[in-house]
Amino acid sequence: MSDTTQLEAWVEALAGELGIDTADVDVEALLDIAREAAHSVARPAAPVTTFLVGYAVAQGASLEDAGGSAQELARRWREEMPG
């Protein structure tokens, strides 16, 4: 099974377990957000960032707004917090 197929199967299975409609899950956007956090901040920032973005979305923010804010902060973090 390819990584892509494995990921798709995982998302379907986990969403089912959590009672989430996969139509509401933008995997590519979440991967982009995680990638930016991992590369700009630190690898462990990726899962924490996606959790916090998801939490913001659950409270009413759009994924576009919350994800965009997270990615922009990560970019600034890389520039302002070298090392």
PDB file of N, CA and C in Angstrom:
ATOM      1  N   MET A   1       0.863  -1.180   0.000  1.00  0.00           N
ATOM      2  CA  MET A   1       0.000   0.000   0.000  1.00  0.00           C
ATOM      3  C   MET A   1       0.906   1.238   0.000  1.00  0.00           C
ATOM      4  N   SER A   2       0.647   2.183  -0.896  1.00  0.00           N
ATOM      5  CA  SER A   2       1.466   3.400  -0.963  1.00  0.00           C
ATOM      6  C   SER A   2       1.189   4.293   0.244  1.00  0.00           C
ATOM      7  N   ASP A   3       2.105   5.225   0.491  1.00  0.00           N
ATOM      8  CA  ASP A   3       1.918   6.161   1.606  1.00  0.00           C
ATOM      9  C   ASP A   3       0.632   6.958   1.450  1.00  0.00           C
ATOM     10  N   THR A   4       0.339   7.377   0.212  1.00  0.00           N
ATOM     11  CA  THR A   4      -0.877   8.159  -0.038  1.00  0.00           C
ATOM     12  C   THR A   4      -2.119   7.317   0.261  1.00  0.00           C
ATOM     13  N   THR A   5      -2.131   6.105  -0.237  1.00  0.00           N
ATOM     14  CA  THR A   5      -3.272   5.218   0.008  1.00  0.00           C
ATOM     15  C   THR A   5      -3.400   4.915   1.493  1.00  0.00           C
ATOM     16  N   GLN A   6      -2.263   4.708   2.160  1.00  0.00           N
ATOM     17  CA  GLN A   6      -2.260   4.429   3.596  1.00  0.00           C
ATOM     18  C   GLN A   6      -2.832   5.622   4.355  1.00  0.00           C
ATOM     19  N   LEU A   7      -2.420   6.831   3.980  1.00  0.00           N
ATOM     20  CA  LEU A   7      -2.922   8.041   4.636  1.00  0.00           C
ATOM     21  C   LEU A   7      -4.421   8.193   4.409  1.00  0.00           C
ATOM     22  N   GLU A   8      -4.861   7.999   3.182  1.00  0.00           N
ATOM     23  CA  GLU A   8      -6.294   8.106   2.891  1.00  0.00           C
ATOM     24  C   GLU A   8      -7.095   7.094   3.699  1.00  0.00           C
ATOM     25  N   ALA A   9      -6.594   5.866   3.780  1.00  0.00           N
ATOM     26  CA  ALA A   9      -7.285   4.826   4.548  1.00  0.00           C
ATOM     27  C   ALA A   9      -7.314   5.203   6.029  1.00  0.00           C
ATOM     28  N   TRP A  10      -6.204   5.735   6.529  1.00  0.00           N
ATOM     29  CA  TRP A  10      -6.130   6.149   7.944  1.00  0.00           C
ATOM     30  C   TRP A  10      -7.136   7.256   8.225  1.00  0.00           C
ATOM     31  N   VAL A  11      -7.173   8.269   7.360  1.00  0.00           N
ATOM     32  CA  VAL A  11      -8.103   9.388   7.559  1.00  0.00           C
ATOM     33  C   VAL A  11      -9.540   8.889   7.570  1.00  0.00           C
ATOM     34  N   GLU A  12      -9.880   8.029   6.639  1.00  0.00           N
ATOM     35  CA  GLU A  12     -11.233   7.465   6.592  1.00  0.00           C
ATOM     36  C   GLU A  12     -11.552   6.702   7.880  1.00  0.00           C
ATOM     37  N   ALA A  13     -10.618   5.864   8.319  1.00  0.00           N
ATOM     38  CA  ALA A  13     -10.851   5.055   9.516  1.00  0.00           C
ATOM     39  C   ALA A  13     -10.957   5.924  10.766  1.00  0.00           C
ATOM     40  N   LEU A  14     -10.036   6.862  10.927  1.00  0.00           N
ATOM     41  CA  LEU A  14     -10.048   7.710  12.117  1.00  0.00           C
ATOM     42  C   LEU A  14     -11.264   8.622  12.128  1.00  0.00           C
ATOM     43  N   ALA A  15     -11.594   9.194  10.991  1.00  0.00           N
ATOM     44  CA  ALA A  15     -12.784  10.047  10.915  1.00  0.00           C
ATOM     45  C   ALA A  15     -14.026   9.249  11.298  1.00  0.00           C
ATOM     46  N   GLY A  16     -14.104   8.012  10.835  1.00  0.00           N
ATOM     47  CA  GLY A  16     -15.230   7.163  11.198  1.00  0.00           C
ATOM     48  C   GLY A  16     -15.286   6.919  12.695  1.00  0.00           C
ATOM     49  N   GLU A  17     -14.141   6.638  13.292  1.00  0.00           N
ATOM     50  CA  GLU A  17     -14.082   6.416  14.745  1.00  0.00           C
ATOM     51  C   GLU A  17     -14.509   7.655  15.520  1.00  0.00           C
ATOM     52  N   LEU A  18     -14.167   8.830  14.998  1.00  0.00           N
ATOM     53  CA  LEU A  18     -14.451  10.087  15.689  1.00  0.00           C
ATOM     54  C   LEU A  18     -15.791  10.692  15.299  1.00  0.00           C
ATOM     55  N   GLY A  19     -16.482  10.058  14.348  1.00  0.00           N
ATOM     56  CA  GLY A  19     -17.771  10.570  13.910  1.00  0.00           C
ATOM     57  C   GLY A  19     -17.659  11.847  13.092  1.00  0.00           C
ATOM     58  N   ILE A  20     -16.587  11.950  12.323  1.00  0.00           N
ATOM     59  CA  ILE A  20     -16.339  13.138  11.503  1.00  0.00           C
ATOM     60  C   ILE A  20     -16.581  12.782  10.041  1.00  0.00           C
ATOM     61  N   ASP A  21     -17.265  13.658   9.322  1.00  0.00           N
ATOM     62  CA  ASP A  21     -17.469  13.490   7.886  1.00  0.00           C
ATOM     63  C   ASP A  21     -16.167  13.876   7.184  1.00  0.00           C
ATOM     64  N   THR A  22     -15.597  12.965   6.414  1.00  0.00           N
ATOM     65  CA  THR A  22     -14.325  13.258   5.751  1.00  0.00           C
ATOM     66  C   THR A  22     -14.439  14.386   4.738  1.00  0.00           C
ATOM     67  N   ALA A  23     -15.650  14.725   4.339  1.00  0.00           N
ATOM     68  CA  ALA A  23     -15.823  15.881   3.447  1.00  0.00           C
ATOM     69  C   ALA A  23     -15.391  17.168   4.149  1.00  0.00           C
ATOM     70  N   ASP A  24     -15.374  17.139   5.484  1.00  0.00           N
ATOM     71  CA  ASP A  24     -14.981  18.310   6.270  1.00  0.00           C
ATOM     72  C   ASP A  24     -13.487  18.346   6.569  1.00  0.00           C
ATOM     73  N   VAL A  25     -12.739  17.380   6.054  1.00  0.00           N
ATOM     74  CA  VAL A  25     -11.313  17.270   6.365  1.00  0.00           C
ATOM     75  C   VAL A  25     -10.489  17.603   5.124  1.00  0.00           C
ATOM     76  N   ASP A  26      -9.737  18.691   5.183  1.00  0.00           N
ATOM     77  CA  ASP A  26      -8.857  19.077   4.084  1.00  0.00           C
ATOM     78  C   ASP A  26      -7.444  18.615   4.438  1.00  0.00           C
ATOM     79  N   VAL A  27      -7.147  17.372   4.080  1.00  0.00           N
ATOM     80  CA  VAL A  27      -5.876  16.761   4.447  1.00  0.00           C
ATOM     81  C   VAL A  27      -4.702  17.553   3.875  1.00  0.00           C
ATOM     82  N   GLU A  28      -4.796  17.973   2.645  1.00  0.00           N
ATOM     83  CA  GLU A  28      -3.691  18.716   2.026  1.00  0.00           C
ATOM     84  C   GLU A  28      -3.400  20.014   2.779  1.00  0.00           C
ATOM     85  N   ALA A  29      -4.446  20.733   3.182  1.00  0.00           N
ATOM     86  CA  ALA A  29      -4.242  21.973   3.937  1.00  0.00           C
ATOM     87  C   ALA A  29      -3.584  21.680   5.274  1.00  0.00           C
ATOM     88  N   LEU A  30      -4.027  20.628   5.954  1.00  0.00           N
ATOM     89  CA  LEU A  30      -3.431  20.271   7.242  1.00  0.00           C
ATOM     90  C   LEU A  30      -1.972  19.864   7.087  1.00  0.00           C
ATOM     91  N   LEU A  31      -1.657  19.145   6.017  1.00  0.00           N
ATOM     92  CA  LEU A  31      -0.260  18.764   5.778  1.00  0.00           C
ATOM     93  C   LEU A  31       0.598  19.990   5.486  1.00  0.00           C
ATOM     94  N   ASP A  32       0.048  20.948   4.753  1.00  0.00           N
ATOM     95  CA  ASP A  32       0.785  22.186   4.477  1.00  0.00           C
ATOM     96  C   ASP A  32       1.061  22.958   5.764  1.00  0.00           C
ATOM     97  N   ILE A  33       0.063  23.042   6.623  1.00  0.00           N
ATOM     98  CA  ILE A  33       0.215  23.739   7.906  1.00  0.00           C
ATOM     99  C   ILE A  33       1.273  23.028   8.755  1.00  0.00           C
ATOM    100  N   ALA A  34       1.174  21.718   8.834  1.00  0.00           N
ATOM    101  CA  ALA A  34       2.135  20.934   9.618  1.00  0.00           C
ATOM    102  C   ALA A  34       3.544  21.085   9.067  1.00  0.00           C
ATOM    103  N   ARG A  35       3.680  21.062   7.752  1.00  0.00           N
ATOM    104  CA  ARG A  35       4.991  21.196   7.111  1.00  0.00           C
ATOM    105  C   ARG A  35       5.629  22.533   7.453  1.00  0.00           C
ATOM    106  N   GLU A  36       4.839  23.591   7.369  1.00  0.00           N
ATOM    107  CA  GLU A  36       5.372  24.922   7.675  1.00  0.00           C
ATOM    108  C   GLU A  36       5.829  25.001   9.128  1.00  0.00           C
ATOM    109  N   ALA A  37       5.030  24.472  10.038  1.00  0.00           N
ATOM    110  CA  ALA A  37       5.400  24.494  11.457  1.00  0.00           C
ATOM    111  C   ALA A  37       6.653  23.657  11.702  1.00  0.00           C
ATOM    112  N   ALA A  38       6.728  22.496  11.095  1.00  0.00           N
ATOM    113  CA  ALA A  38       7.882  21.617  11.294  1.00  0.00           C
ATOM    114  C   ALA A  38       9.166  22.249  10.783  1.00  0.00           C
ATOM    115  N   HIS A  39       9.088  22.909   9.636  1.00  0.00           N
ATOM    116  CA  HIS A  39      10.287  23.485   9.028  1.00  0.00           C
ATOM    117  C   HIS A  39      10.651  24.846   9.598  1.00  0.00           C
ATOM    118  N   SER A  40       9.676  25.590  10.044  1.00  0.00           N
ATOM    119  CA  SER A  40       9.945  26.947  10.522  1.00  0.00           C
ATOM    120  C   SER A  40      10.163  27.021  12.026  1.00  0.00           C
ATOM    121  N   VAL A  41       9.584  26.107  12.769  1.00  0.00           N
ATOM    122  CA  VAL A  41       9.673  26.155  14.229  1.00  0.00           C
ATOM    123  C   VAL A  41      10.508  24.962  14.699  1.00  0.00           C
ATOM    124  N   ALA A  42       9.912  23.801  14.729  1.00  0.00           N
ATOM    125  CA  ALA A  42      10.575  22.556  15.119  1.00  0.00           C
ATOM    126  C   ALA A  42       9.645  21.416  14.754  1.00  0.00           C
ATOM    127  N   ARG A  43      10.193  20.241  14.493  1.00  0.00           N
ATOM    128  CA  ARG A  43       9.360  19.115  14.085  1.00  0.00           C
ATOM    129  C   ARG A  43       8.199  18.849  15.037  1.00  0.00           C
ATOM    130  N   PRO A  44       8.425  18.885  16.354  1.00  0.00           N
ATOM    131  CA  PRO A  44       7.295  18.625  17.257  1.00  0.00           C
ATOM    132  C   PRO A  44       6.197  19.680  17.189  1.00  0.00           C
ATOM    133  N   ALA A  45       6.473  20.812  16.568  1.00  0.00           N
ATOM    134  CA  ALA A  45       5.440  21.850  16.438  1.00  0.00           C
ATOM    135  C   ALA A  45       4.344  21.434  15.459  1.00  0.00           C
ATOM    136  N   ALA A  46       4.642  20.516  14.557  1.00  0.00           N
ATOM    137  CA  ALA A  46       3.664  20.126  13.529  1.00  0.00           C
ATOM    138  C   ALA A  46       2.374  19.559  14.112  1.00  0.00           C
ATOM    139  N   PRO A  47       2.426  18.512  14.940  1.00  0.00           N
ATOM    140  CA  PRO A  47       1.163  17.979  15.452  1.00  0.00           C
ATOM    141  C   PRO A  47       0.461  18.932  16.411  1.00  0.00           C
ATOM    142  N   VAL A  48       1.240  19.665  17.189  1.00  0.00           N
ATOM    143  CA  VAL A  48       0.627  20.618  18.123  1.00  0.00           C
ATOM    144  C   VAL A  48      -0.068  21.728  17.347  1.00  0.00           C
ATOM    145  N   THR A  49       0.569  22.199  16.294  1.00  0.00           N
ATOM    146  CA  THR A  49      -0.009  23.262  15.467  1.00  0.00           C
ATOM    147  C   THR A  49      -1.301  22.802  14.813  1.00  0.00           C
ATOM    148  N   THR A  50      -1.303  21.609  14.238  1.00  0.00           N
ATOM    149  CA  THR A  50      -2.526  21.142  13.583  1.00  0.00           C
ATOM    150  C   THR A  50      -3.637  20.914  14.604  1.00  0.00           C
ATOM    151  N   PHE A  51      -3.286  20.476  15.806  1.00  0.00           N
ATOM    152  CA  PHE A  51      -4.299  20.343  16.850  1.00  0.00           C
ATOM    153  C   PHE A  51      -4.897  21.708  17.187  1.00  0.00           C
ATOM    154  N   LEU A  52      -4.038  22.701  17.394  1.00  0.00           N
ATOM    155  CA  LEU A  52      -4.527  24.031  17.754  1.00  0.00           C
ATOM    156  C   LEU A  52      -5.359  24.649  16.632  1.00  0.00           C
ATOM    157  N   VAL A  53      -4.955  24.442  15.396  1.00  0.00           N
ATOM    158  CA  VAL A  53      -5.751  24.933  14.265  1.00  0.00           C
ATOM    159  C   VAL A  53      -7.105  24.228  14.262  1.00  0.00           C
ATOM    160  N   GLY A  54      -7.115  22.915  14.464  1.00  0.00           N
ATOM    161  CA  GLY A  54      -8.378  22.176  14.533  1.00  0.00           C
ATOM    162  C   GLY A  54      -9.261  22.660  15.668  1.00  0.00           C
ATOM    163  N   TYR A  55      -8.649  22.968  16.782  1.00  0.00           N
ATOM    164  CA  TYR A  55      -9.395  23.477  17.938  1.00  0.00           C
ATOM    165  C   TYR A  55     -10.035  24.819  17.591  1.00  0.00           C
ATOM    166  N   ALA A  56      -9.270  25.674  16.917  1.00  0.00           N
ATOM    167  CA  ALA A  56      -9.803  26.978  16.504  1.00  0.00           C
ATOM    168  C   ALA A  56     -10.972  26.801  15.532  1.00  0.00           C
ATOM    169  N   VAL A  57     -10.844  25.838  14.625  1.00  0.00           N
ATOM    170  CA  VAL A  57     -11.921  25.569  13.670  1.00  0.00           C
ATOM    171  C   VAL A  57     -13.157  25.051  14.416  1.00  0.00           C
ATOM    172  N   ALA A  58     -12.951  24.210  15.401  1.00  0.00           N
ATOM    173  CA  ALA A  58     -14.079  23.696  16.182  1.00  0.00           C
ATOM    174  C   ALA A  58     -14.799  24.805  16.930  1.00  0.00           C
ATOM    175  N   GLN A  59     -14.078  25.883  17.226  1.00  0.00           N
ATOM    176  CA  GLN A  59     -14.691  27.016  17.922  1.00  0.00           C
ATOM    177  C   GLN A  59     -15.267  28.044  16.953  1.00  0.00           C
ATOM    178  N   GLY A  60     -15.220  27.750  15.660  1.00  0.00           N
ATOM    179  CA  GLY A  60     -15.886  28.609  14.702  1.00  0.00           C
ATOM    180  C   GLY A  60     -15.014  29.289  13.672  1.00  0.00           C
ATOM    181  N   ALA A  61     -13.697  29.224  13.813  1.00  0.00           N
ATOM    182  CA  ALA A  61     -12.817  29.823  12.807  1.00  0.00           C
ATOM    183  C   ALA A  61     -12.860  28.972  11.537  1.00  0.00           C
ATOM    184  N   SER A  62     -12.552  29.574  10.425  1.00  0.00           N
ATOM    185  CA  SER A  62     -12.439  28.779   9.200  1.00  0.00           C
ATOM    186  C   SER A  62     -11.041  28.168   9.155  1.00  0.00           C
ATOM    187  N   LEU A  63     -10.915  27.032   8.477  1.00  0.00           N
ATOM    188  CA  LEU A  63      -9.605  26.417   8.319  1.00  0.00           C
ATOM    189  C   LEU A  63      -8.673  27.361   7.575  1.00  0.00           C
ATOM    190  N   GLU A  64      -9.212  28.064   6.600  1.00  0.00           N
ATOM    191  CA  GLU A  64      -8.399  29.000   5.830  1.00  0.00           C
ATOM    192  C   GLU A  64      -7.816  30.088   6.736  1.00  0.00           C
ATOM    193  N   ASP A  65      -8.639  30.663   7.602  1.00  0.00           N
ATOM    194  CA  ASP A  65      -8.165  31.718   8.495  1.00  0.00           C
ATOM    195  C   ASP A  65      -7.206  31.190   9.552  1.00  0.00           C
ATOM    196  N   ALA A  66      -7.599  30.129  10.235  1.00  0.00           N
ATOM    197  CA  ALA A  66      -6.763  29.584  11.302  1.00  0.00           C
ATOM    198  C   ALA A  66      -5.457  29.027  10.739  1.00  0.00           C
ATOM    199  N   GLY A  67      -5.558  28.296   9.652  1.00  0.00           N
ATOM    200  CA  GLY A  67      -4.361  27.739   9.026  1.00  0.00           C
ATOM    201  C   GLY A  67      -3.445  28.817   8.486  1.00  0.00           C
ATOM    202  N   GLY A  68      -4.040  29.824   7.872  1.00  0.00           N
ATOM    203  CA  GLY A  68      -3.241  30.938   7.354  1.00  0.00           C
ATOM    204  C   GLY A  68      -2.514  31.671   8.467  1.00  0.00           C
ATOM    205  N   SER A  69      -3.198  31.884   9.572  1.00  0.00           N
ATOM    206  CA  SER A  69      -2.566  32.544  10.722  1.00  0.00           C
ATOM    207  C   SER A  69      -1.414  31.712  11.256  1.00  0.00           C
ATOM    208  N   ALA A  70      -1.621  30.414  11.360  1.00  0.00           N
ATOM    209  CA  ALA A  70      -0.568  29.530  11.867  1.00  0.00           C
ATOM    210  C   ALA A  70       0.639  29.523  10.934  1.00  0.00           C
ATOM    211  N   GLN A  71       0.392  29.442   9.643  1.00  0.00           N
ATOM    212  CA  GLN A  71       1.498  29.421   8.689  1.00  0.00           C
ATOM    213  C   GLN A  71       2.246  30.752   8.681  1.00  0.00           C
ATOM    214  N   GLU A  72       1.526  31.847   8.750  1.00  0.00           N
ATOM    215  CA  GLU A  72       2.173  33.154   8.765  1.00  0.00           C
ATOM    216  C   GLU A  72       3.013  33.329  10.027  1.00  0.00           C
ATOM    217  N   LEU A  73       2.485  32.924  11.168  1.00  0.00           N
ATOM    218  CA  LEU A  73       3.248  33.006  12.412  1.00  0.00           C
ATOM    219  C   LEU A  73       4.500  32.139  12.326  1.00  0.00           C
ATOM    220  N   ALA A  74       4.383  30.953  11.763  1.00  0.00           N
ATOM    221  CA  ALA A  74       5.546  30.069  11.625  1.00  0.00           C
ATOM    222  C   ALA A  74       6.611  30.710  10.741  1.00  0.00           C
ATOM    223  N   ARG A  75       6.205  31.349   9.656  1.00  0.00           N
ATOM    224  CA  ARG A  75       7.173  32.027   8.779  1.00  0.00           C
ATOM    225  C   ARG A  75       7.874  33.161   9.511  1.00  0.00           C
ATOM    226  N   ARG A  76       7.089  33.952  10.236  1.00  0.00           N
ATOM    227  CA  ARG A  76       7.680  35.049  11.015  1.00  0.00           C
ATOM    228  C   ARG A  76       8.603  34.499  12.090  1.00  0.00           C
ATOM    229  N   TRP A  77       8.192  33.401  12.694  1.00  0.00           N
ATOM    230  CA  TRP A  77       8.984  32.779  13.759  1.00  0.00           C
ATOM    231  C   TRP A  77      10.373  32.432  13.236  1.00  0.00           C
ATOM    232  N   ARG A  78      10.416  31.855  12.048  1.00  0.00           N
ATOM    233  CA  ARG A  78      11.699  31.458  11.424  1.00  0.00           C
ATOM    234  C   ARG A  78      12.586  32.679  11.229  1.00  0.00           C
ATOM    235  N   GLU A  79      11.994  33.787  10.818  1.00  0.00           N
ATOM    236  CA  GLU A  79      12.764  35.010  10.567  1.00  0.00           C
ATOM    237  C   GLU A  79      13.166  35.715  11.845  1.00  0.00           C
ATOM    238  N   GLU A  80      12.293  35.710  12.839  1.00  0.00           N
ATOM    239  CA  GLU A  80      12.524  36.487  14.058  1.00  0.00           C
ATOM    240  C   GLU A  80      13.233  35.692  15.150  1.00  0.00           C
ATOM    241  N   MET A  81      13.164  34.373  15.087  1.00  0.00           N
ATOM    242  CA  MET A  81      13.738  33.542  16.147  1.00  0.00           C
ATOM    243  C   MET A  81      14.788  32.592  15.550  1.00  0.00           C
ATOM    244  N   PRO A  82      15.867  33.140  15.036  1.00  0.00           N
ATOM    245  CA  PRO A  82      16.872  32.260  14.398  1.00  0.00           C
ATOM    246  C   PRO A  82      17.483  31.294  15.410  1.00  0.00           C
ATOM    247  N   GLY A  83      17.876  30.176  14.890  1.00  0.00           N
ATOM    248  CA  GLY A  83      18.588  29.258  15.752  1.00  0.00           C
ATOM    249  C   GLY A  83      17.994  27.939  15.797  1.00  0.00           C
TER     250      GLY A  83
END
